[in-house]
Protein backbone atom coordinates (compact mmCIF):
# COMPACT_ATOMS: atom_id res chain seq x y z
CA MET A 1 -23.21 1.48 -139.70
CA LYS A 2 -26.75 1.59 -138.34
CA ARG A 3 -26.46 -2.08 -137.32
CA ASN A 4 -23.24 -1.33 -135.38
CA LEU A 5 -24.91 1.53 -133.54
CA ILE A 6 -27.82 -0.73 -132.52
CA LEU A 7 -25.42 -3.42 -131.28
CA ALA A 8 -23.44 -0.84 -129.32
CA ALA A 9 -26.62 0.49 -127.73
CA LEU A 10 -27.77 -3.01 -126.78
CA THR A 11 -24.34 -3.81 -125.32
CA ALA A 12 -24.39 -0.61 -123.26
CA LEU A 13 -27.89 -1.45 -122.06
CA VAL A 14 -26.82 -4.93 -120.96
CA LEU A 15 -23.74 -3.61 -119.19
CA SER A 16 -25.81 -0.92 -117.54
CA SER A 17 -28.33 -3.50 -116.35
CA CYS A 18 -25.57 -5.61 -114.84
CA THR A 19 -24.10 -2.60 -113.07
CA ASP A 20 -27.52 -1.49 -111.85
CA ASN A 21 -28.02 -4.82 -110.07
CA LYS A 22 -24.85 -4.58 -108.00
CA PHE A 23 -24.30 -3.09 -104.58
CA ARG A 24 -21.04 -1.78 -103.21
CA VAL A 25 -20.54 -0.98 -99.52
CA SER A 26 -17.45 0.99 -98.54
CA GLY A 27 -16.13 2.44 -95.32
CA ASN A 28 -13.07 3.29 -93.27
CA ALA A 29 -11.82 0.99 -90.54
CA PRO A 30 -9.73 1.71 -87.41
CA ALA A 31 -6.04 0.90 -87.67
CA ASP A 32 -6.33 -2.34 -85.68
CA VAL A 33 -9.06 -3.82 -87.90
CA LYS A 34 -7.88 -6.32 -90.50
CA TYR A 35 -11.10 -8.00 -91.65
CA VAL A 36 -14.82 -7.30 -91.99
CA TYR A 37 -17.16 -10.29 -91.77
CA TYR A 38 -20.55 -9.91 -93.40
CA THR A 39 -23.79 -11.86 -93.70
CA LEU A 40 -26.00 -11.34 -96.73
CA ASN A 41 -29.71 -12.00 -96.29
CA PHE A 42 -29.36 -12.17 -92.50
CA PHE A 43 -32.90 -13.50 -91.95
CA ASP A 44 -32.67 -16.33 -94.46
CA GLU A 45 -32.34 -19.93 -93.25
CA ASN A 46 -29.13 -20.26 -95.28
CA PRO A 47 -27.53 -16.80 -95.32
CA GLN A 48 -24.38 -16.10 -97.31
CA ILE A 49 -21.48 -15.51 -94.91
CA ASP A 50 -18.15 -14.13 -96.14
CA SER A 51 -15.39 -11.67 -95.29
CA VAL A 52 -13.22 -8.99 -96.89
CA ALA A 53 -9.79 -7.75 -95.94
CA VAL A 54 -9.19 -4.17 -94.90
CA VAL A 55 -6.66 -2.53 -97.22
CA ASP A 56 -5.08 0.81 -96.35
CA GLY A 57 -7.76 1.39 -93.74
CA LYS A 58 -10.64 0.80 -96.14
CA TYR A 59 -13.01 -2.07 -96.82
CA ILE A 60 -15.35 -2.81 -99.73
CA ILE A 61 -18.20 -5.32 -99.77
CA GLU A 62 -19.71 -6.03 -103.18
CA GLY A 63 -22.42 -8.31 -104.45
CA ASP A 64 -25.54 -8.90 -106.46
CA ALA A 65 -28.61 -6.87 -105.51
CA THR A 66 -31.12 -8.19 -108.00
CA THR A 67 -33.22 -8.95 -104.93
CA PRO A 68 -32.48 -6.43 -102.12
CA LEU A 69 -31.49 -8.03 -98.82
CA ILE A 70 -31.09 -7.00 -95.19
CA CYS A 71 -27.46 -7.63 -94.26
CA THR A 72 -25.12 -7.20 -91.33
CA ALA A 73 -21.36 -6.73 -91.09
CA THR A 74 -18.98 -7.01 -88.15
CA LEU A 75 -15.46 -5.60 -87.97
CA ASP A 76 -12.93 -7.70 -86.11
CA ASN A 77 -12.98 -5.11 -83.29
CA ASN A 78 -16.64 -6.20 -82.78
CA ALA A 79 -18.17 -3.01 -84.21
CA GLN A 80 -21.29 -3.95 -86.14
CA PHE A 81 -23.52 -2.29 -88.70
CA TRP A 82 -26.58 -3.18 -90.76
CA PHE A 83 -27.37 -2.22 -94.34
CA VAL A 84 -29.81 -2.97 -97.12
CA ALA A 85 -28.03 -4.53 -100.07
CA GLU A 86 -29.76 -2.68 -102.90
CA PRO A 87 -28.31 -1.42 -106.18
CA GLY A 88 -25.88 1.46 -105.80
CA GLU A 89 -22.96 2.84 -103.82
CA ILE A 90 -23.46 2.55 -100.06
CA ALA A 91 -21.15 4.48 -97.73
CA VAL A 92 -20.76 3.62 -94.04
CA ASP A 93 -19.94 6.57 -91.81
CA SER A 94 -17.88 6.82 -88.62
CA ILE A 95 -20.79 5.70 -86.42
CA TYR A 96 -21.50 2.77 -88.71
CA LEU A 97 -24.64 4.00 -90.42
CA PRO A 98 -25.22 3.37 -94.13
CA SER A 99 -26.29 5.93 -96.73
CA GLY A 100 -26.22 6.50 -100.46
CA THR A 101 -29.23 4.46 -101.61
CA PRO A 102 -32.93 5.08 -100.90
CA GLN A 103 -33.54 2.51 -98.18
CA ASN A 104 -30.20 3.03 -96.49
CA ASP A 105 -30.79 6.79 -96.50
CA ALA A 106 -34.15 6.16 -94.82
CA ILE A 107 -32.53 4.03 -92.09
CA HIS A 108 -29.86 6.71 -91.56
CA ALA A 109 -32.50 9.43 -91.21
CA LEU A 110 -34.55 7.27 -88.83
CA TYR A 111 -31.57 6.82 -86.53
CA GLU A 112 -30.94 10.57 -86.47
CA ASP A 113 -34.61 11.26 -85.71
CA ILE A 114 -34.64 8.71 -82.88
CA GLN A 115 -31.81 10.59 -81.19
CA LYS A 116 -34.04 13.67 -80.99
CA VAL A 117 -37.11 12.13 -79.32
CA GLU A 118 -37.54 12.84 -75.63
CA ASP A 119 -40.11 10.30 -74.46
CA HIS A 120 -41.74 6.99 -75.30
CA GLU A 121 -44.82 8.63 -76.81
CA ALA A 122 -42.71 10.60 -79.27
CA PHE A 123 -40.66 7.49 -80.06
CA THR A 124 -43.79 5.48 -80.86
CA ALA A 125 -45.18 8.31 -83.00
CA LEU A 126 -41.91 8.43 -84.96
CA ILE A 127 -42.03 4.68 -85.64
CA ASP A 128 -45.69 4.96 -86.68
CA GLN A 129 -44.79 7.69 -89.16
CA PHE A 130 -41.81 5.77 -90.55
CA MET A 131 -43.85 2.59 -91.03
CA GLY A 132 -46.56 4.62 -92.76
CA GLU A 133 -43.89 5.73 -95.24
CA HIS A 134 -42.24 2.29 -95.55
CA PRO A 135 -45.03 -0.31 -95.23
CA ASN A 136 -43.61 -2.72 -97.77
CA ASP A 137 -39.86 -2.34 -98.10
CA LEU A 138 -36.78 -3.56 -96.25
CA ALA A 139 -36.25 -0.23 -94.48
CA GLY A 140 -39.66 -0.74 -92.89
CA ALA A 141 -38.86 -4.36 -92.06
CA PHE A 142 -35.58 -3.34 -90.46
CA CYS A 143 -37.27 -0.58 -88.47
CA LEU A 144 -39.94 -2.90 -87.08
CA PHE A 145 -37.36 -5.59 -86.30
CA MET A 146 -35.14 -3.18 -84.38
CA THR A 147 -37.89 -1.30 -82.50
CA SER A 148 -40.43 -4.05 -81.72
CA GLN A 149 -39.31 -4.34 -78.12
CA GLY A 150 -39.33 -0.59 -77.67
CA ILE A 151 -42.88 -0.07 -78.95
CA GLY A 152 -44.13 -3.41 -77.60
CA LEU A 153 -45.22 -6.50 -79.48
CA ALA A 154 -48.88 -5.53 -79.31
CA HIS A 155 -48.24 -2.27 -81.17
CA THR A 156 -45.83 -4.07 -83.49
CA SER A 157 -48.71 -6.38 -84.37
CA GLU A 158 -50.98 -3.40 -85.12
CA LEU A 159 -48.38 -1.93 -87.48
CA LEU A 160 -47.74 -5.32 -89.04
CA ASP A 161 -51.42 -5.62 -89.98
CA GLN A 162 -50.96 -2.50 -92.14
CA CYS A 163 -47.80 -3.76 -93.86
CA GLY A 164 -47.17 -5.65 -97.08
CA ASP A 165 -45.58 -9.04 -97.62
CA VAL A 166 -41.99 -7.73 -97.67
CA VAL A 167 -42.23 -6.54 -94.06
CA LYS A 168 -44.39 -9.44 -92.90
CA ASN A 169 -42.03 -12.06 -94.32
CA VAL A 170 -39.02 -10.59 -92.49
CA ILE A 171 -40.79 -10.13 -89.16
CA SER A 172 -42.28 -13.64 -89.29
CA LYS A 173 -38.72 -14.98 -89.13
CA VAL A 174 -37.89 -13.18 -85.87
CA ILE A 175 -41.23 -12.89 -84.07
CA SER A 176 -43.46 -15.96 -84.00
CA ALA A 177 -47.21 -15.91 -84.53
CA ASP A 178 -47.61 -17.21 -80.97
CA GLU A 179 -45.66 -14.23 -79.60
CA ILE A 180 -47.80 -11.83 -81.60
CA GLU A 181 -51.00 -13.50 -80.41
CA ALA A 182 -49.82 -13.44 -76.79
CA ALA A 183 -49.03 -9.74 -77.13
CA LYS A 184 -52.51 -9.04 -78.51
CA THR A 185 -54.05 -10.92 -75.60
CA ALA A 186 -51.91 -8.95 -73.14
CA ALA A 187 -52.89 -5.67 -74.80
CA ASN A 188 -56.56 -6.54 -74.54
CA ALA A 189 -56.09 -7.42 -70.86
CA ALA A 190 -54.23 -4.17 -70.22
CA THR A 191 -57.07 -2.22 -71.84
CA ALA A 192 -59.64 -4.05 -69.72
CA THR A 193 -57.62 -3.23 -66.60
CA ALA A 194 -56.70 0.35 -67.44
CA VAL A 195 -57.00 3.22 -64.98
CA GLY A 196 -60.67 3.80 -64.16
CA GLN A 197 -61.71 0.19 -64.71
CA MET A 198 -62.93 -2.14 -61.96
CA PHE A 199 -60.40 -4.73 -60.83
CA THR A 200 -60.20 -8.14 -62.52
CA ASP A 201 -60.00 -11.03 -60.13
CA PHE A 202 -57.59 -13.97 -60.38
CA GLU A 203 -56.56 -16.82 -58.11
CA ALA A 204 -53.47 -18.87 -57.27
CA GLU A 205 -52.96 -22.04 -55.28
CA TYR A 206 -50.06 -22.72 -52.96
CA ASP A 207 -49.60 -25.31 -50.24
CA GLY A 208 -53.21 -26.45 -50.55
CA LYS A 209 -54.65 -22.94 -50.15
CA VAL A 210 -56.33 -20.85 -52.85
CA GLN A 211 -55.81 -17.09 -52.69
CA ARG A 212 -57.65 -14.50 -54.77
CA LEU A 213 -57.03 -10.84 -55.48
CA SER A 214 -60.57 -10.24 -54.27
CA ASP A 215 -59.52 -11.43 -50.79
CA TYR A 216 -57.78 -8.03 -50.51
CA VAL A 217 -59.07 -5.67 -53.20
CA GLY A 218 -62.56 -4.16 -53.13
CA LYS A 219 -62.91 -4.57 -49.36
CA GLY A 220 -63.04 -0.88 -48.47
CA LYS A 221 -59.30 -0.13 -48.35
CA TYR A 222 -56.83 1.43 -50.73
CA VAL A 223 -54.56 -1.45 -51.78
CA LEU A 224 -51.11 -1.13 -53.34
CA VAL A 225 -50.43 -4.33 -55.27
CA ASP A 226 -46.90 -5.21 -56.32
CA PHE A 227 -46.46 -7.84 -59.06
CA TRP A 228 -42.85 -8.94 -58.51
CA ALA A 229 -40.35 -11.82 -58.51
CA SER A 230 -37.33 -12.73 -56.43
CA TRP A 231 -35.01 -12.76 -59.47
CA CYS A 232 -36.11 -9.32 -60.72
CA GLY A 233 -33.58 -6.60 -59.84
CA PRO A 234 -35.90 -3.63 -60.50
CA CYS A 235 -38.57 -5.37 -58.39
CA ARG A 236 -36.21 -5.68 -55.45
CA GLY A 237 -35.22 -2.05 -55.93
CA GLU A 238 -38.81 -0.88 -55.33
CA ILE A 239 -39.45 -3.02 -52.25
CA PRO A 240 -37.76 -0.77 -49.63
CA THR A 241 -40.09 2.07 -50.69
CA ILE A 242 -43.09 -0.26 -50.55
CA ILE A 243 -42.08 -1.42 -47.07
CA GLU A 244 -41.86 2.22 -45.93
CA LEU A 245 -45.37 2.88 -47.21
CA TYR A 246 -46.65 -0.25 -45.51
CA ASN A 247 -45.02 0.59 -42.18
CA LYS A 248 -46.29 4.17 -42.32
CA TYR A 249 -49.86 3.78 -43.58
CA ALA A 250 -51.11 0.18 -43.25
CA GLY A 251 -54.30 0.03 -41.21
CA GLU A 252 -58.00 0.64 -41.63
CA LYS A 253 -57.64 2.60 -44.87
CA PHE A 254 -54.58 1.12 -46.56
CA GLU A 255 -53.08 -2.28 -47.34
CA VAL A 256 -50.14 -3.59 -49.37
CA LEU A 257 -50.16 -6.88 -51.27
CA GLY A 258 -47.37 -8.69 -53.08
CA VAL A 259 -48.12 -11.02 -56.00
CA ALA A 260 -45.32 -13.51 -56.67
CA THR A 261 -45.18 -13.52 -60.47
CA TRP A 262 -43.25 -15.97 -62.68
CA ASP A 263 -41.34 -17.22 -59.63
CA GLU A 264 -40.73 -20.42 -57.70
CA PRO A 265 -42.33 -20.38 -54.24
CA ALA A 266 -39.11 -21.40 -52.49
CA ASP A 267 -37.28 -18.48 -54.12
CA THR A 268 -40.12 -16.10 -53.27
CA LYS A 269 -40.05 -17.17 -49.60
CA ALA A 270 -36.28 -16.74 -49.42
CA ALA A 271 -36.53 -13.23 -50.89
CA ILE A 272 -39.35 -12.29 -48.50
CA GLU A 273 -37.17 -13.20 -45.54
CA GLU A 274 -34.05 -11.57 -46.99
CA LEU A 275 -35.82 -8.30 -47.82
CA GLY A 276 -37.81 -8.14 -44.59
CA ILE A 277 -41.23 -8.11 -46.26
CA LYS A 278 -44.08 -8.19 -43.72
CA TYR A 279 -47.11 -7.44 -45.91
CA PRO A 280 -49.23 -10.32 -47.29
CA GLN A 281 -48.43 -12.20 -50.46
CA ILE A 282 -50.28 -14.18 -53.07
CA MET A 283 -47.81 -16.99 -53.53
CA ASN A 284 -47.19 -18.96 -56.71
CA ALA A 285 -49.31 -16.68 -58.90
CA GLN A 286 -47.10 -17.47 -61.89
CA LYS A 287 -48.99 -16.09 -64.96
CA ALA A 288 -52.42 -15.73 -63.37
CA GLY A 289 -51.98 -12.10 -62.35
CA SER A 290 -49.88 -11.05 -65.34
CA ASP A 291 -52.40 -12.54 -67.78
CA ALA A 292 -55.30 -10.86 -66.02
CA TYR A 293 -53.63 -7.43 -66.11
CA GLY A 294 -51.76 -7.63 -69.41
CA ILE A 295 -48.38 -7.41 -67.70
CA GLU A 296 -45.40 -7.93 -70.00
CA GLY A 297 -42.72 -6.76 -67.56
CA ILE A 298 -42.29 -6.49 -63.81
CA PRO A 299 -42.41 -4.78 -61.44
CA GLN A 300 -45.96 -3.71 -62.14
CA ILE A 301 -47.34 -1.77 -59.18
CA ILE A 302 -51.03 -0.86 -59.16
CA LEU A 303 -53.05 1.21 -56.70
CA PHE A 304 -56.68 0.15 -56.23
CA GLY A 305 -59.42 2.24 -54.63
CA PRO A 306 -61.64 1.07 -51.74
CA ASP A 307 -64.29 -0.24 -54.17
CA GLY A 308 -61.75 -2.00 -56.38
CA THR A 309 -61.38 0.70 -59.03
CA ILE A 310 -57.92 0.91 -60.61
CA LEU A 311 -56.55 4.33 -59.65
CA LYS A 312 -52.96 4.13 -60.92
CA ARG A 313 -50.77 1.68 -62.85
CA ASP A 314 -47.05 1.53 -63.61
CA LEU A 315 -46.09 3.15 -60.31
CA ARG A 316 -42.45 3.51 -59.27
CA GLY A 317 -40.44 5.29 -56.59
CA GLU A 318 -41.53 8.80 -55.65
CA GLU A 319 -44.47 8.64 -58.03
CA MET A 320 -45.76 5.66 -56.07
CA VAL A 321 -45.34 7.48 -52.75
CA LYS A 322 -47.14 10.53 -54.12
CA ALA A 323 -50.03 8.43 -55.46
CA VAL A 324 -50.57 6.70 -52.12
CA GLU A 325 -50.34 9.86 -50.09
CA GLU A 326 -52.72 11.78 -52.36
CA ALA A 327 -55.24 8.92 -52.24
CA LEU A 328 -55.13 8.72 -48.44
CA LYS A 329 -55.73 12.45 -48.09
């Protein structure tokens, strides 16, 4: 009798262990959805891709979760959701967020918290807090993967340095070491050229002529410098305001300079003519200016003081007008 009880207990333990290593994802699908296609271990070189049919408006994805995985699923109406395949019952709600297991609950809560933040500073602080709580699990890896562009690769790199191998292994598959290193370099350049710092010079050659930022900046005038490109829509959107400032204030105290960044000279020249730009340009700067000032996106508009001190960065629209007018007062 005692032997039978021991065998029964061992059998129950084995069955329990098997059950504990399974995941089950369930959710409701719109009436027009017939299939859900899913990818297990999305970041692996050879992910497992499969599908399940929707039956009576419901779908169920099941599998082994001995090793938790980051997965994605797509309904045939193109709605998509992500989940961590970890042991337990995972429910997907009407806005395609998972919950029911620890890491999926964390992702769900993170999404809800993100909806409440009002500015970039609060967003970054939220991600910092989340990564402090999840430095070595798949919830943390998913968070850093999804928000790296929002917080910037330089800050992503800082957080990554504080993470364990689980997070680092996932991120290494989507962000290369070269990208991380370039972001660090850009961050260092941005720090060296922050507001209050003296300008950093750079040069560019075009049509046999070398032009330098120092040909314009540090010569006793306030100089508004626009790092732009012909193909950049937001850049073109700022140019009418810049032209107005140039037409109104250019003279003994004020100058405007364009820096053609990441652009072909022929395209730059065509845009200059099309947009009616009259202020001087440093042509064919390519990466020279962006590397010097840690610029990861354009337009980047900077106001320099008469001695070359950086007075304002990241200027746009009315803020740019206000900065120029206050300086000239």
